[in-house]
Amino acid sequence: MSSDVHWQKSSFSGGGGDEDCLEISATPATLHLRESDTPDAILSPTPAALNALLTAVKRR
């Protein structure tokens, strides 16, 4: 993945002793996700997979 990708952390991240969080980046065709403590492990889910993830998270 190119180094010019801009990663964003949630506004809920930071503070306290736990600095790990989910980061998100978008290119014109793809959304990318990574965990801040493992930045080399990048997920680029399909729209269907991302929809399934968000649906599951909303149910909790």
Protein backbone atom coordinates (compact mmCIF):
# COMPACT_ATOMS: atom_id res chain seq x y z
CA MET A 1 0.00 0.00 0.00
CA SER A 2 1.33 3.41 -0.84
CA SER A 3 2.77 5.57 1.91
CA ASP A 4 0.62 8.56 0.89
CA VAL A 5 -2.51 6.94 2.36
CA HIS A 6 -3.89 9.10 5.17
CA TRP A 7 -4.96 7.10 8.23
CA GLN A 8 -7.51 8.48 10.69
CA LYS A 9 -8.17 7.43 14.27
CA SER A 10 -11.52 7.68 15.94
CA SER A 11 -12.15 10.78 18.03
CA PHE A 12 -12.82 8.33 20.87
CA SER A 13 -9.21 7.08 20.76
CA GLY A 14 -6.52 8.29 23.11
CA GLY A 15 -6.53 9.05 26.75
CA GLY A 16 -6.01 6.55 29.49
CA GLY A 17 -3.49 3.76 29.26
CA ASP A 18 -4.98 2.06 26.20
CA GLU A 19 -3.91 3.79 22.99
CA ASP A 20 -4.83 0.92 20.63
CA CYS A 21 -7.62 1.68 18.20
CA LEU A 22 -9.01 1.01 14.76
CA GLU A 23 -7.75 3.31 12.02
CA ILE A 24 -9.48 3.91 8.69
CA SER A 25 -8.32 5.16 5.32
CA ALA A 26 -10.13 5.49 2.02
CA THR A 27 -8.99 5.59 -1.55
CA PRO A 28 -11.44 6.32 -4.37
CA ALA A 29 -12.30 2.64 -4.78
CA THR A 30 -11.47 0.98 -1.44
CA LEU A 31 -11.82 1.39 2.29
CA HIS A 32 -8.86 0.18 4.39
CA LEU A 33 -8.84 -0.78 8.08
CA ARG A 34 -5.97 -1.47 10.45
CA GLU A 35 -5.34 -1.69 14.16
CA SER A 36 -2.94 0.95 15.47
CA ASP A 37 -0.77 -1.58 17.32
CA THR A 38 -0.31 -3.69 14.13
CA PRO A 39 -0.17 -1.10 11.31
CA ASP A 40 1.26 -3.54 8.75
CA ALA A 41 -1.86 -5.75 8.93
CA ILE A 42 -4.27 -3.92 6.65
CA LEU A 43 -7.75 -5.17 5.76
CA SER A 44 -9.53 -4.00 2.63
CA PRO A 45 -13.00 -5.53 2.95
CA THR A 46 -15.48 -5.80 0.11
CA PRO A 47 -18.59 -3.64 0.51
CA ALA A 48 -20.62 -6.76 1.41
CA ALA A 49 -18.12 -7.85 4.08
CA LEU A 50 -17.95 -4.35 5.56
CA ASN A 51 -21.75 -4.17 5.64
CA ALA A 52 -21.88 -7.52 7.48
CA LEU A 53 -19.30 -6.30 10.01
CA LEU A 54 -21.13 -3.03 10.68
CA THR A 55 -24.47 -4.82 10.96
CA ALA A 56 -23.01 -7.22 13.53
CA VAL A 57 -21.42 -4.40 15.53
CA LYS A 58 -24.69 -2.43 15.60
CA ARG A 59 -26.52 -5.43 17.05
CA ARG A 60 -24.32 -5.47 20.15
